[in-house]
Amino acid sequence: HLPGNPEAHRRTAETFLTAEEVPFPAHFQRNARRFQYYQLWRTPLPFDHFLEPVSTRGYVTLKDFPVADLHPDRSPTMRVIADGILAGQPFLMPEGDWEVR
């Protein structure tokens, strides 16, 4: 539901707020699932190989690892970052590529 102007948006919101049930097209569910998939699996870059949690919840520290592990040929995450910076590629993980090589 994408009302074309502020007044149409207000009317749509009021209709939804007073309705017993808000109808939605079937493709909304598919689009929501696609969006969630991208948010959970494609947009976050995994840094598990380089970071470890600490006692303070939400904080991390660097692990000990060989500096060579930061090379794009050895890390899918670093490949995404390098391709994004140097080649203008999207900062998205390739599907199924979540392990450090």
PDB file of N, CA and C in Angstrom:
ATOM      1  N   HIS A   1       0.848  -1.165   0.000  1.00  0.00           N
ATOM      2  CA  HIS A   1       0.000   0.000   0.000  1.00  0.00           C
ATOM      3  C   HIS A   1       0.899   1.235   0.000  1.00  0.00           C
ATOM      4  N   LEU A   2       0.924   1.903  -1.114  1.00  0.00           N
ATOM      5  CA  LEU A   2       1.749   3.101  -1.232  1.00  0.00           C
ATOM      6  C   LEU A   2       0.893   4.283  -1.675  1.00  0.00           C
ATOM      7  N   PRO A   3       0.259   4.954  -0.717  1.00  0.00           N
ATOM      8  CA  PRO A   3      -0.549   6.117  -1.077  1.00  0.00           C
ATOM      9  C   PRO A   3       0.325   7.174  -1.760  1.00  0.00           C
ATOM     10  N   GLY A   4      -0.266   7.865  -2.714  1.00  0.00           N
ATOM     11  CA  GLY A   4       0.505   8.785  -3.545  1.00  0.00           C
ATOM     12  C   GLY A   4       0.811  10.142  -2.953  1.00  0.00           C
ATOM     13  N   ASN A   5       0.159  10.506  -1.855  1.00  0.00           N
ATOM     14  CA  ASN A   5       0.421  11.822  -1.264  1.00  0.00           C
ATOM     15  C   ASN A   5       0.078  11.759   0.226  1.00  0.00           C
ATOM     16  N   PRO A   6       0.432  12.783   0.980  1.00  0.00           N
ATOM     17  CA  PRO A   6       0.184  12.753   2.426  1.00  0.00           C
ATOM     18  C   PRO A   6      -1.285  12.572   2.803  1.00  0.00           C
ATOM     19  N   GLU A   7      -2.178  13.195   2.065  1.00  0.00           N
ATOM     20  CA  GLU A   7      -3.600  13.068   2.388  1.00  0.00           C
ATOM     21  C   GLU A   7      -4.089  11.635   2.152  1.00  0.00           C
ATOM     22  N   ALA A   8      -3.669  11.032   1.060  1.00  0.00           N
ATOM     23  CA  ALA A   8      -4.041   9.640   0.782  1.00  0.00           C
ATOM     24  C   ALA A   8      -3.426   8.713   1.831  1.00  0.00           C
ATOM     25  N   HIS A   9      -2.250   9.027   2.272  1.00  0.00           N
ATOM     26  CA  HIS A   9      -1.598   8.226   3.324  1.00  0.00           C
ATOM     27  C   HIS A   9      -2.412   8.306   4.616  1.00  0.00           C
ATOM     28  N   ARG A  10      -2.851   9.501   4.977  1.00  0.00           N
ATOM     29  CA  ARG A  10      -3.656   9.687   6.181  1.00  0.00           C
ATOM     30  C   ARG A  10      -4.961   8.903   6.092  1.00  0.00           C
ATOM     31  N   ARG A  11      -5.627   8.998   4.949  1.00  0.00           N
ATOM     32  CA  ARG A  11      -6.895   8.267   4.762  1.00  0.00           C
ATOM     33  C   ARG A  11      -6.669   6.756   4.854  1.00  0.00           C
ATOM     34  N   THR A  12      -5.614   6.275   4.222  1.00  0.00           N
ATOM     35  CA  THR A  12      -5.308   4.838   4.270  1.00  0.00           C
ATOM     36  C   THR A  12      -5.023   4.399   5.696  1.00  0.00           C
ATOM     37  N   ALA A  13      -4.237   5.176   6.425  1.00  0.00           N
ATOM     38  CA  ALA A  13      -3.915   4.835   7.816  1.00  0.00           C
ATOM     39  C   ALA A  13      -5.183   4.813   8.670  1.00  0.00           C
ATOM     40  N   GLU A  14      -6.044   5.792   8.509  1.00  0.00           N
ATOM     41  CA  GLU A  14      -7.290   5.821   9.269  1.00  0.00           C
ATOM     42  C   GLU A  14      -8.168   4.619   8.934  1.00  0.00           C
ATOM     43  N   THR A  15      -8.230   4.260   7.664  1.00  0.00           N
ATOM     44  CA  THR A  15      -9.010   3.088   7.251  1.00  0.00           C
ATOM     45  C   THR A  15      -8.464   1.827   7.903  1.00  0.00           C
ATOM     46  N   PHE A  16      -7.157   1.666   7.887  1.00  0.00           N
ATOM     47  CA  PHE A  16      -6.535   0.475   8.486  1.00  0.00           C
ATOM     48  C   PHE A  16      -6.738   0.441  10.000  1.00  0.00           C
ATOM     49  N   LEU A  17      -6.647   1.598  10.652  1.00  0.00           N
ATOM     50  CA  LEU A  17      -6.783   1.645  12.105  1.00  0.00           C
ATOM     51  C   LEU A  17      -8.194   1.311  12.567  1.00  0.00           C
ATOM     52  N   THR A  18      -9.183   1.587  11.752  1.00  0.00           N
ATOM     53  CA  THR A  18     -10.571   1.318  12.146  1.00  0.00           C
ATOM     54  C   THR A  18     -11.109   0.007  11.589  1.00  0.00           C
ATOM     55  N   ALA A  19     -10.374  -0.637  10.716  1.00  0.00           N
ATOM     56  CA  ALA A  19     -10.849  -1.885  10.085  1.00  0.00           C
ATOM     57  C   ALA A  19     -10.710  -3.066  11.040  1.00  0.00           C
ATOM     58  N   GLU A  20     -11.628  -4.014  10.916  1.00  0.00           N
ATOM     59  CA  GLU A  20     -11.542  -5.272  11.672  1.00  0.00           C
ATOM     60  C   GLU A  20     -10.354  -6.090  11.188  1.00  0.00           C
ATOM     61  N   GLU A  21     -10.141  -6.061   9.885  1.00  0.00           N
ATOM     62  CA  GLU A  21      -9.049  -6.813   9.274  1.00  0.00           C
ATOM     63  C   GLU A  21      -8.489  -5.984   8.122  1.00  0.00           C
ATOM     64  N   VAL A  22      -7.163  -5.899   8.040  1.00  0.00           N
ATOM     65  CA  VAL A  22      -6.534  -5.138   6.968  1.00  0.00           C
ATOM     66  C   VAL A  22      -6.187  -6.103   5.832  1.00  0.00           C
ATOM     67  N   PRO A  23      -6.783  -5.895   4.669  1.00  0.00           N
ATOM     68  CA  PRO A  23      -6.471  -6.780   3.550  1.00  0.00           C
ATOM     69  C   PRO A  23      -5.090  -6.442   2.971  1.00  0.00           C
ATOM     70  N   PHE A  24      -4.423  -7.466   2.500  1.00  0.00           N
ATOM     71  CA  PHE A  24      -3.155  -7.218   1.830  1.00  0.00           C
ATOM     72  C   PHE A  24      -3.002  -8.201   0.676  1.00  0.00           C
ATOM     73  N   PRO A  25      -2.406  -7.740  -0.410  1.00  0.00           N
ATOM     74  CA  PRO A  25      -2.195  -8.626  -1.559  1.00  0.00           C
ATOM     75  C   PRO A  25      -1.245  -9.772  -1.194  1.00  0.00           C
ATOM     76  N   ALA A  26      -1.411 -10.904  -1.855  1.00  0.00           N
ATOM     77  CA  ALA A  26      -0.599 -12.095  -1.564  1.00  0.00           C
ATOM     78  C   ALA A  26       0.890 -11.831  -1.751  1.00  0.00           C
ATOM     79  N   HIS A  27       1.250 -10.970  -2.687  1.00  0.00           N
ATOM     80  CA  HIS A  27       2.679 -10.734  -2.930  1.00  0.00           C
ATOM     81  C   HIS A  27       3.352  -9.964  -1.778  1.00  0.00           C
ATOM     82  N   PHE A  28       2.559  -9.336  -0.890  1.00  0.00           N
ATOM     83  CA  PHE A  28       3.165  -8.651   0.256  1.00  0.00           C
ATOM     84  C   PHE A  28       3.924  -9.641   1.137  1.00  0.00           C
ATOM     85  N   GLN A  29       3.353 -10.817   1.368  1.00  0.00           N
ATOM     86  CA  GLN A  29       4.014 -11.820   2.209  1.00  0.00           C
ATOM     87  C   GLN A  29       5.326 -12.270   1.558  1.00  0.00           C
ATOM     88  N   ARG A  30       5.295 -12.514   0.261  1.00  0.00           N
ATOM     89  CA  ARG A  30       6.512 -12.919  -0.443  1.00  0.00           C
ATOM     90  C   ARG A  30       7.579 -11.827  -0.372  1.00  0.00           C
ATOM     91  N   ASN A  31       7.168 -10.583  -0.577  1.00  0.00           N
ATOM     92  CA  ASN A  31       8.121  -9.470  -0.502  1.00  0.00           C
ATOM     93  C   ASN A  31       8.694  -9.321   0.903  1.00  0.00           C
ATOM     94  N   ALA A  32       7.860  -9.506   1.923  1.00  0.00           N
ATOM     95  CA  ALA A  32       8.345  -9.413   3.303  1.00  0.00           C
ATOM     96  C   ALA A  32       9.359 -10.509   3.595  1.00  0.00           C
ATOM     97  N   ARG A  33       9.113 -11.704   3.113  1.00  0.00           N
ATOM     98  CA  ARG A  33      10.071 -12.800   3.316  1.00  0.00           C
ATOM     99  C   ARG A  33      11.377 -12.535   2.589  1.00  0.00           C
ATOM    100  N   ARG A  34      11.283 -11.998   1.378  1.00  0.00           N
ATOM    101  CA  ARG A  34      12.505 -11.654   0.640  1.00  0.00           C
ATOM    102  C   ARG A  34      13.307 -10.586   1.386  1.00  0.00           C
ATOM    103  N   PHE A  35      12.608  -9.574   1.865  1.00  0.00           N
ATOM    104  CA  PHE A  35      13.276  -8.506   2.603  1.00  0.00           C
ATOM    105  C   PHE A  35      13.974  -9.072   3.836  1.00  0.00           C
ATOM    106  N   GLN A  36      13.273  -9.920   4.583  1.00  0.00           N
ATOM    107  CA  GLN A  36      13.870 -10.497   5.785  1.00  0.00           C
ATOM    108  C   GLN A  36      15.074 -11.363   5.437  1.00  0.00           C
ATOM    109  N   TYR A  37      14.992 -12.141   4.380  1.00  0.00           N
ATOM    110  CA  TYR A  37      16.127 -12.956   3.939  1.00  0.00           C
ATOM    111  C   TYR A  37      17.341 -12.070   3.680  1.00  0.00           C
ATOM    112  N   TYR A  38      17.141 -10.989   2.932  1.00  0.00           N
ATOM    113  CA  TYR A  38      18.263 -10.094   2.649  1.00  0.00           C
ATOM    114  C   TYR A  38      18.812  -9.469   3.919  1.00  0.00           C
ATOM    115  N   GLN A  39      17.926  -9.038   4.823  1.00  0.00           N
ATOM    116  CA  GLN A  39      18.375  -8.419   6.061  1.00  0.00           C
ATOM    117  C   GLN A  39      19.160  -9.386   6.934  1.00  0.00           C
ATOM    118  N   LEU A  40      18.741 -10.653   6.967  1.00  0.00           N
ATOM    119  CA  LEU A  40      19.384 -11.622   7.857  1.00  0.00           C
ATOM    120  C   LEU A  40      20.582 -12.320   7.236  1.00  0.00           C
ATOM    121  N   TRP A  41      20.574 -12.537   5.926  1.00  0.00           N
ATOM    122  CA  TRP A  41      21.586 -13.408   5.329  1.00  0.00           C
ATOM    123  C   TRP A  41      22.465 -12.755   4.286  1.00  0.00           C
ATOM    124  N   ARG A  42      22.044 -11.723   3.605  1.00  0.00           N
ATOM    125  CA  ARG A  42      22.850 -11.146   2.531  1.00  0.00           C
ATOM    126  C   ARG A  42      23.547  -9.854   2.926  1.00  0.00           C
ATOM    127  N   THR A  43      22.877  -8.987   3.691  1.00  0.00           N
ATOM    128  CA  THR A  43      23.493  -7.694   3.999  1.00  0.00           C
ATOM    129  C   THR A  43      24.508  -7.726   5.137  1.00  0.00           C
ATOM    130  N   PRO A  44      24.320  -8.550   6.176  1.00  0.00           N
ATOM    131  CA  PRO A  44      25.353  -8.544   7.215  1.00  0.00           C
ATOM    132  C   PRO A  44      26.600  -9.280   6.734  1.00  0.00           C
ATOM    133  N   LEU A  45      27.742  -8.676   6.943  1.00  0.00           N
ATOM    134  CA  LEU A  45      28.999  -9.323   6.574  1.00  0.00           C
ATOM    135  C   LEU A  45      29.537 -10.069   7.795  1.00  0.00           C
ATOM    136  N   PRO A  46      29.853 -11.344   7.652  1.00  0.00           N
ATOM    137  CA  PRO A  46      30.325 -12.126   8.795  1.00  0.00           C
ATOM    138  C   PRO A  46      31.795 -11.838   9.111  1.00  0.00           C
ATOM    139  N   PHE A  47      32.061 -11.473  10.337  1.00  0.00           N
ATOM    140  CA  PHE A  47      33.425 -11.226  10.803  1.00  0.00           C
ATOM    141  C   PHE A  47      33.826 -12.222  11.888  1.00  0.00           C
ATOM    142  N   ASP A  48      33.129 -13.361  11.949  1.00  0.00           N
ATOM    143  CA  ASP A  48      33.357 -14.355  12.994  1.00  0.00           C
ATOM    144  C   ASP A  48      34.824 -14.768  13.100  1.00  0.00           C
ATOM    145  N   HIS A  49      35.492 -14.877  11.968  1.00  0.00           N
ATOM    146  CA  HIS A  49      36.882 -15.322  11.958  1.00  0.00           C
ATOM    147  C   HIS A  49      37.807 -14.308  12.635  1.00  0.00           C
ATOM    148  N   PHE A  50      37.400 -13.059  12.672  1.00  0.00           N
ATOM    149  CA  PHE A  50      38.261 -11.985  13.168  1.00  0.00           C
ATOM    150  C   PHE A  50      37.879 -11.462  14.551  1.00  0.00           C
ATOM    151  N   LEU A  51      36.668 -11.754  15.005  1.00  0.00           N
ATOM    152  CA  LEU A  51      36.171 -11.169  16.252  1.00  0.00           C
ATOM    153  C   LEU A  51      35.726 -12.244  17.228  1.00  0.00           C
ATOM    154  N   GLU A  52      35.794 -11.905  18.509  1.00  0.00           N
ATOM    155  CA  GLU A  52      35.249 -12.795  19.536  1.00  0.00           C
ATOM    156  C   GLU A  52      34.545 -11.948  20.592  1.00  0.00           C
ATOM    157  N   PRO A  53      33.500 -12.490  21.181  1.00  0.00           N
ATOM    158  CA  PRO A  53      32.775 -11.728  22.202  1.00  0.00           C
ATOM    159  C   PRO A  53      33.616 -11.571  23.468  1.00  0.00           C
ATOM    160  N   VAL A  54      33.309 -10.546  24.221  1.00  0.00           N
ATOM    161  CA  VAL A  54      33.942 -10.326  25.526  1.00  0.00           C
ATOM    162  C   VAL A  54      32.854 -10.369  26.592  1.00  0.00           C
ATOM    163  N   SER A  55      33.246 -10.191  27.833  1.00  0.00           N
ATOM    164  CA  SER A  55      32.280 -10.324  28.924  1.00  0.00           C
ATOM    165  C   SER A  55      31.174  -9.264  28.888  1.00  0.00           C
ATOM    166  N   THR A  56      31.445  -8.101  28.325  1.00  0.00           N
ATOM    167  CA  THR A  56      30.419  -7.070  28.218  1.00  0.00           C
ATOM    168  C   THR A  56      29.546  -7.363  27.003  1.00  0.00           C
ATOM    169  N   ARG A  57      28.296  -7.637  27.255  1.00  0.00           N
ATOM    170  CA  ARG A  57      27.376  -8.016  26.189  1.00  0.00           C
ATOM    171  C   ARG A  57      27.350  -6.962  25.081  1.00  0.00           C
ATOM    172  N   GLY A  58      27.429  -7.435  23.831  1.00  0.00           N
ATOM    173  CA  GLY A  58      27.372  -6.535  22.688  1.00  0.00           C
ATOM    174  C   GLY A  58      28.726  -6.032  22.223  1.00  0.00           C
ATOM    175  N   TYR A  59      29.776  -6.322  22.989  1.00  0.00           N
ATOM    176  CA  TYR A  59      31.107  -5.882  22.620  1.00  0.00           C
ATOM    177  C   TYR A  59      31.921  -7.062  22.103  1.00  0.00           C
ATOM    178  N   VAL A  60      32.912  -6.760  21.289  1.00  0.00           N
ATOM    179  CA  VAL A  60      33.789  -7.792  20.760  1.00  0.00           C
ATOM    180  C   VAL A  60      35.233  -7.301  20.823  1.00  0.00           C
ATOM    181  N   THR A  61      36.146  -8.232  20.616  1.00  0.00           N
ATOM    182  CA  THR A  61      37.561  -7.902  20.518  1.00  0.00           C
ATOM    183  C   THR A  61      38.135  -8.675  19.341  1.00  0.00           C
ATOM    184  N   LEU A  62      39.267  -8.225  18.850  1.00  0.00           N
ATOM    185  CA  LEU A  62      39.915  -8.946  17.755  1.00  0.00           C
ATOM    186  C   LEU A  62      40.532 -10.239  18.256  1.00  0.00           C
ATOM    187  N   LYS A  63      40.379 -11.286  17.464  1.00  0.00           N
ATOM    188  CA  LYS A  63      41.056 -12.548  17.745  1.00  0.00           C
ATOM    189  C   LYS A  63      42.497 -12.449  17.236  1.00  0.00           C
ATOM    190  N   ASP A  64      43.321 -13.353  17.692  1.00  0.00           N
ATOM    191  CA  ASP A  64      44.636 -13.508  17.083  1.00  0.00           C
ATOM    192  C   ASP A  64      44.440 -14.299  15.796  1.00  0.00           C
ATOM    193  N   PHE A  65      44.908 -13.749  14.684  1.00  0.00           N
ATOM    194  CA  PHE A  65      44.822 -14.454  13.402  1.00  0.00           C
ATOM    195  C   PHE A  65      45.948 -13.940  12.516  1.00  0.00           C
ATOM    196  N   PRO A  66      46.389 -14.757  11.571  1.00  0.00           N
ATOM    197  CA  PRO A  66      47.444 -14.289  10.657  1.00  0.00           C
ATOM    198  C   PRO A  66      46.928 -13.132   9.806  1.00  0.00           C
ATOM    199  N   VAL A  67      47.728 -12.114   9.630  1.00  0.00           N
ATOM    200  CA  VAL A  67      47.319 -10.954   8.844  1.00  0.00           C
ATOM    201  C   VAL A  67      46.960 -11.373   7.418  1.00  0.00           C
ATOM    202  N   ALA A  68      47.535 -12.446   6.924  1.00  0.00           N
ATOM    203  CA  ALA A  68      47.215 -12.934   5.578  1.00  0.00           C
ATOM    204  C   ALA A  68      45.740 -13.305   5.453  1.00  0.00           C
ATOM    205  N   ASP A  69      45.078 -13.599   6.570  1.00  0.00           N
ATOM    206  CA  ASP A  69      43.651 -13.937   6.533  1.00  0.00           C
ATOM    207  C   ASP A  69      42.788 -12.754   6.098  1.00  0.00           C
ATOM    208  N   LEU A  70      43.349 -11.545   6.134  1.00  0.00           N
ATOM    209  CA  LEU A  70      42.611 -10.355   5.699  1.00  0.00           C
ATOM    210  C   LEU A  70      42.624 -10.179   4.180  1.00  0.00           C
ATOM    211  N   HIS A  71      43.421 -10.971   3.484  1.00  0.00           N
ATOM    212  CA  HIS A  71      43.504 -10.850   2.023  1.00  0.00           C
ATOM    213  C   HIS A  71      42.185 -11.303   1.399  1.00  0.00           C
ATOM    214  N   PRO A  72      41.698 -10.578   0.397  1.00  0.00           N
ATOM    215  CA  PRO A  72      40.424 -10.943  -0.235  1.00  0.00           C
ATOM    216  C   PRO A  72      40.385 -12.362  -0.813  1.00  0.00           C
ATOM    217  N   ASP A  73      41.513 -12.902  -1.176  1.00  0.00           N
ATOM    218  CA  ASP A  73      41.528 -14.279  -1.687  1.00  0.00           C
ATOM    219  C   ASP A  73      41.342 -15.308  -0.584  1.00  0.00           C
ATOM    220  N   ARG A  74      41.496 -14.906   0.672  1.00  0.00           N
ATOM    221  CA  ARG A  74      41.382 -15.843   1.790  1.00  0.00           C
ATOM    222  C   ARG A  74      40.118 -15.651   2.609  1.00  0.00           C
ATOM    223  N   SER A  75      39.389 -14.583   2.352  1.00  0.00           N
ATOM    224  CA  SER A  75      38.204 -14.286   3.154  1.00  0.00           C
ATOM    225  C   SER A  75      37.076 -13.770   2.268  1.00  0.00           C
ATOM    226  N   PRO A  76      35.947 -14.483   2.233  1.00  0.00           N
ATOM    227  CA  PRO A  76      34.798 -13.982   1.460  1.00  0.00           C
ATOM    228  C   PRO A  76      34.345 -12.591   1.924  1.00  0.00           C
ATOM    229  N   THR A  77      34.417 -12.330   3.220  1.00  0.00           N
ATOM    230  CA  THR A  77      34.024 -11.025   3.741  1.00  0.00           C
ATOM    231  C   THR A  77      34.933  -9.925   3.199  1.00  0.00           C
ATOM    232  N   MET A  78      36.233 -10.168   3.224  1.00  0.00           N
ATOM    233  CA  MET A  78      37.178  -9.176   2.713  1.00  0.00           C
ATOM    234  C   MET A  78      37.037  -9.024   1.198  1.00  0.00           C
ATOM    235  N   ARG A  79      36.651 -10.094   0.498  1.00  0.00           N
ATOM    236  CA  ARG A  79      36.420 -10.013  -0.950  1.00  0.00           C
ATOM    237  C   ARG A  79      35.253  -9.075  -1.224  1.00  0.00           C
ATOM    238  N   VAL A  80      34.175  -9.188  -0.464  1.00  0.00           N
ATOM    239  CA  VAL A  80      33.016  -8.309  -0.645  1.00  0.00           C
ATOM    240  C   VAL A  80      33.410  -6.863  -0.400  1.00  0.00           C
ATOM    241  N   ILE A  81      34.174  -6.615   0.660  1.00  0.00           N
ATOM    242  CA  ILE A  81      34.594  -5.245   0.982  1.00  0.00           C
ATOM    243  C   ILE A  81      35.509  -4.693  -0.107  1.00  0.00           C
ATOM    244  N   ALA A  82      36.497  -5.482  -0.532  1.00  0.00           N
ATOM    245  CA  ALA A  82      37.421  -5.027  -1.581  1.00  0.00           C
ATOM    246  C   ALA A  82      36.671  -4.755  -2.883  1.00  0.00           C
ATOM    247  N   ASP A  83      35.784  -5.673  -3.265  1.00  0.00           N
ATOM    248  CA  ASP A  83      35.011  -5.466  -4.500  1.00  0.00           C
ATOM    249  C   ASP A  83      34.099  -4.254  -4.394  1.00  0.00           C
ATOM    250  N   GLY A  84      33.566  -4.013  -3.208  1.00  0.00           N
ATOM    251  CA  GLY A  84      32.706  -2.843  -3.020  1.00  0.00           C
ATOM    252  C   GLY A  84      33.469  -1.540  -3.148  1.00  0.00           C
ATOM    253  N   ILE A  85      34.654  -1.500  -2.556  1.00  0.00           N
ATOM    254  CA  ILE A  85      35.454  -0.271  -2.585  1.00  0.00           C
ATOM    255  C   ILE A  85      36.121  -0.065  -3.940  1.00  0.00           C
ATOM    256  N   LEU A  86      36.741  -1.119  -4.456  1.00  0.00           N
ATOM    257  CA  LEU A  86      37.552  -0.968  -5.661  1.00  0.00           C
ATOM    258  C   LEU A  86      36.766  -1.097  -6.964  1.00  0.00           C
ATOM    259  N   ALA A  87      35.671  -1.841  -6.944  1.00  0.00           N
ATOM    260  CA  ALA A  87      34.949  -2.095  -8.191  1.00  0.00           C
ATOM    261  C   ALA A  87      33.501  -1.626  -8.156  1.00  0.00           C
ATOM    262  N   GLY A  88      33.098  -0.982  -7.070  1.00  0.00           N
ATOM    263  CA  GLY A  88      31.730  -0.471  -6.995  1.00  0.00           C
ATOM    264  C   GLY A  88      30.668  -1.555  -6.913  1.00  0.00           C
ATOM    265  N   GLN A  89      31.047  -2.751  -6.487  1.00  0.00           N
ATOM    266  CA  GLN A  89      30.101  -3.855  -6.358  1.00  0.00           C
ATOM    267  C   GLN A  89      29.252  -3.656  -5.099  1.00  0.00           C
ATOM    268  N   PRO A  90      28.093  -4.312  -5.031  1.00  0.00           N
ATOM    269  CA  PRO A  90      27.278  -4.198  -3.815  1.00  0.00           C
ATOM    270  C   PRO A  90      27.959  -4.895  -2.644  1.00  0.00           C
ATOM    271  N   PHE A  91      27.779  -4.368  -1.480  1.00  0.00           N
ATOM    272  CA  PHE A  91      28.346  -4.951  -0.260  1.00  0.00           C
ATOM    273  C   PHE A  91      27.413  -6.058   0.240  1.00  0.00           C
ATOM    274  N   LEU A  92      27.265  -7.122  -0.554  1.00  0.00           N
ATOM    275  CA  LEU A  92      26.399  -8.249  -0.233  1.00  0.00           C
ATOM    276  C   LEU A  92      27.192  -9.543  -0.341  1.00  0.00           C
ATOM    277  N   MET A  93      26.963 -10.444   0.611  1.00  0.00           N
ATOM    278  CA  MET A  93      27.604 -11.747   0.550  1.00  0.00           C
ATOM    279  C   MET A  93      27.009 -12.551  -0.594  1.00  0.00           C
ATOM    280  N   PRO A  94      27.859 -13.244  -1.358  1.00  0.00           N
ATOM    281  CA  PRO A  94      27.310 -14.174  -2.350  1.00  0.00           C
ATOM    282  C   PRO A  94      26.525 -15.254  -1.629  1.00  0.00           C
ATOM    283  N   GLU A  95      25.474 -15.745  -2.233  1.00  0.00           N
ATOM    284  CA  GLU A  95      24.666 -16.769  -1.574  1.00  0.00           C
ATOM    285  C   GLU A  95      25.505 -18.007  -1.301  1.00  0.00           C
ATOM    286  N   GLY A  96      25.385 -18.505  -0.057  1.00  0.00           N
ATOM    287  CA  GLY A  96      26.073 -19.729   0.318  1.00  0.00           C
ATOM    288  C   GLY A  96      27.549 -19.565   0.630  1.00  0.00           C
ATOM    289  N   ASP A  97      28.077 -18.357   0.625  1.00  0.00           N
ATOM    290  CA  ASP A  97      29.513 -18.155   0.830  1.00  0.00           C
ATOM    291  C   ASP A  97      29.773 -17.549   2.207  1.00  0.00           C
ATOM    292  N   TRP A  98      29.671 -18.363   3.260  1.00  0.00           N
ATOM    293  CA  TRP A  98      29.778 -17.853   4.610  1.00  0.00           C
ATOM    294  C   TRP A  98      30.981 -18.371   5.376  1.00  0.00           C
ATOM    295  N   GLU A  99      31.823 -19.163   4.782  1.00  0.00           N
ATOM    296  CA  GLU A  99      32.942 -19.718   5.527  1.00  0.00           C
ATOM    297  C   GLU A  99      34.240 -19.063   5.089  1.00  0.00           C
ATOM    298  N   VAL A 100      35.117 -18.819   6.052  1.00  0.00           N
ATOM    299  CA  VAL A 100      36.431 -18.278   5.746  1.00  0.00           C
ATOM    300  C   VAL A 100      37.242 -19.398   5.115  1.00  0.00           C
ATOM    301  N   ARG A 101      37.882 -19.089   4.024  1.00  0.00           N
ATOM    302  CA  ARG A 101      38.677 -20.109   3.318  1.00  0.00           C
ATOM    303  C   ARG A 101      40.045 -20.235   3.919  1.00  0.00           C
TER     304      ARG A 101
END
